[in-house]
Structure formats: structure tokens, C-alpha cells
Protein backbone atom coordinates (compact mmCIF):
# COMPACT_ATOMS: atom_id res chain seq x y z
CA MET A 1 95.23 21.82 -91.49
CA LEU A 2 93.03 19.04 -91.36
CA ASP A 3 92.24 16.49 -94.37
CA ASP A 4 88.42 15.58 -94.96
CA THR A 5 89.05 12.07 -93.41
CA SER A 6 90.49 13.55 -90.26
CA MET A 7 87.91 16.08 -89.86
CA THR A 8 84.99 13.59 -90.36
CA GLU A 9 86.52 11.53 -87.85
CA GLN A 10 86.76 14.28 -85.06
CA VAL A 11 82.88 14.94 -86.05
CA LEU A 12 82.07 11.19 -85.68
CA VAL A 13 84.03 10.97 -82.10
CA ALA A 14 82.28 14.09 -81.15
CA LEU A 15 78.78 12.90 -82.00
CA ARG A 16 79.67 9.68 -80.23
CA ARG A 17 80.51 11.54 -77.24
CA ILE A 18 77.18 13.43 -77.50
CA VAL A 19 75.22 10.53 -77.77
CA ARG A 20 77.08 8.91 -74.79
CA GLY A 21 76.53 11.78 -72.63
CA ILE A 22 72.69 12.02 -73.45
CA ASP A 23 72.45 7.97 -72.72
CA LEU A 24 74.15 8.56 -69.30
CA HIS A 25 71.81 11.64 -68.65
CA SER A 26 68.75 9.59 -69.38
CA LYS A 27 70.07 6.61 -67.12
CA LYS A 28 70.41 9.30 -64.38
CA LEU A 29 66.83 10.65 -65.10
CA THR A 30 65.27 7.20 -64.68
CA GLN A 31 67.13 5.99 -61.47
CA SER A 32 66.25 9.14 -59.88
CA CYS A 33 62.69 9.89 -60.64
CA GLY A 34 61.50 6.83 -62.84
CA LEU A 35 60.87 9.24 -65.98
CA THR A 36 62.66 9.30 -69.27
CA GLY A 37 64.01 12.37 -70.57
CA PRO A 38 61.10 12.83 -72.75
CA GLN A 39 58.49 11.97 -70.32
CA LEU A 40 60.22 14.68 -68.19
CA MET A 41 60.05 17.23 -70.97
CA VAL A 42 56.27 16.35 -71.46
CA LEU A 43 55.55 16.78 -67.89
CA LYS A 44 57.44 20.14 -67.42
CA GLU A 45 55.68 21.44 -70.68
CA ILE A 46 52.22 20.58 -69.15
CA ASP A 47 53.09 22.11 -66.06
CA LYS A 48 53.19 25.19 -67.83
CA TYR A 49 49.55 25.44 -68.42
CA GLN A 50 46.25 24.80 -66.42
CA GLU A 51 45.50 22.29 -69.23
CA ILE A 52 46.74 21.86 -72.65
CA PRO A 53 45.62 19.86 -75.79
CA THR A 54 47.67 17.05 -76.57
CA GLY A 55 48.14 18.52 -80.32
CA THR A 56 49.66 21.86 -78.67
CA LEU A 57 51.90 19.97 -76.40
CA ALA A 58 52.91 18.06 -79.13
CA LYS A 59 53.67 21.11 -81.02
CA ASN A 60 55.47 23.05 -78.37
CA ILE A 61 57.87 20.21 -77.77
CA ASN A 62 58.39 19.33 -81.31
CA ILE A 63 57.51 15.60 -80.78
CA SER A 64 54.95 13.74 -82.95
CA GLN A 65 51.38 13.43 -81.87
CA PRO A 66 51.50 9.49 -81.63
CA THR A 67 54.62 9.68 -79.56
CA VAL A 68 53.18 12.08 -77.36
CA THR A 69 50.26 10.04 -76.91
CA SER A 70 52.45 7.13 -76.01
CA ILE A 71 54.34 9.09 -73.45
CA LEU A 72 51.08 10.48 -71.85
CA ASP A 73 49.88 6.79 -71.67
CA ARG A 74 52.84 5.99 -69.26
CA LEU A 75 52.41 9.25 -67.40
CA GLU A 76 48.74 8.78 -66.79
CA LYS A 77 49.49 5.20 -65.58
CA LYS A 78 51.71 6.55 -62.82
CA GLN A 79 48.99 9.03 -62.15
CA LEU A 80 51.36 12.37 -62.88
CA VAL A 81 48.79 13.27 -65.54
CA VAL A 82 44.94 13.35 -66.33
CA ARG A 83 43.45 13.33 -69.68
CA LYS A 84 39.92 15.05 -70.33
CA ARG A 85 37.97 15.20 -73.73
CA ASN A 86 36.51 18.26 -74.79
CA THR A 87 32.59 18.28 -74.15
CA HIS A 88 32.05 20.25 -77.38
CA ASP A 89 34.36 18.61 -79.58
CA LYS A 90 35.22 15.30 -78.74
CA ARG A 91 38.35 14.94 -80.99
CA LYS A 92 40.27 17.49 -78.77
CA VAL A 93 41.94 15.66 -75.62
CA PHE A 94 43.35 18.22 -72.90
CA VAL A 95 45.87 16.86 -70.40
CA LYS A 96 46.75 18.33 -66.85
CA ILE A 97 49.30 17.70 -64.24
CA THR A 98 48.34 16.08 -61.27
CA ASP A 99 49.53 17.07 -57.67
CA LEU A 100 51.83 13.82 -57.90
CA GLY A 101 53.02 15.10 -61.09
CA LYS A 102 54.14 18.42 -59.73
CA ILE A 103 55.90 16.76 -56.87
CA THR A 104 57.58 14.39 -59.16
CA LEU A 105 58.53 17.44 -61.57
CA ASN A 106 59.77 19.54 -58.67
CA ASN A 107 62.18 16.42 -57.29
CA ALA A 108 63.26 15.49 -60.70
CA PRO A 109 66.75 16.51 -61.84
CA SER A 110 66.87 19.29 -64.43
CA LEU A 111 66.87 18.33 -68.44
CA LEU A 112 70.06 18.20 -70.33
CA GLN A 113 69.12 20.81 -72.87
CA ASP A 114 68.06 22.84 -69.61
CA ASP A 115 71.69 22.35 -68.43
CA PHE A 116 73.17 22.90 -71.72
CA THR A 117 71.18 26.02 -72.38
CA HIS A 118 72.29 27.74 -69.04
CA GLN A 119 75.82 26.72 -69.81
CA PHE A 120 75.65 28.27 -73.33
CA LYS A 121 74.19 31.48 -72.07
CA GLN A 122 77.13 31.88 -69.65
CA LEU A 123 79.82 31.71 -72.36
CA GLU A 124 81.17 35.37 -73.04
CA THR A 125 80.20 36.91 -76.60
């Protein structure tokens, strides 16, 4: 039986391994496609829709609206997405993936959470 200190140390070691794995995967993404994990996640979510309001996008991927706006700024500079204001309600901004964005997304490696989800589903119950 493990005491509380030993259990805590094991949890901390496991968390460090997870953080390290995330960092390594993020570096791999950046080197292979020039995008960070969150940028790729945003691009992937946008690709599911013809166009999507930025607020809905933020809600769907559970990232704050200001963070999504910052990510969209970078993606737009790379010409991977375009933003358009709603003609009836100027407060609403819609985002759409470009052809270059689709090509980039198709050539990008899978996201870490996608790999995890696939492997988790393969476990025997």
C-alpha cells in the first residue's frame, strides 16, 4: 500500500510526463505544419462548417473568446481563414476556412487529443 507522500509523488511524475508529451507533440506540429496545437484545433473546428460565428467557435472548442480572436488573427495573417462581419448585426463575426487552410489542415499531423481518443476507444472494456 502506498502512503500519501508516495502517491502524491507518483501523481506529480505522471503529470510531468503528460506535460512533457504535450510539449513534444506541440513542437512536432509547429515544425511539420507551422501551426500550434490550438491553432490546428481552431482550424479543424472551422472546417466542419461552411462558416461559423466566432462566439460559437469559442464555445465549441472550450477556449475563451479573446484567445480565439488572437488565434484567428494569426491564422488570417497566414491566409488560412477569412473573417466577415454579419451585414445585419455588425457585432457578429463569421469565420471561414480558405482553400490554403484546407490544404494545410489535410497535410497536418493529427492532434494529440485525437490520437488519445482513438487509442482510448481501442481499450477493451
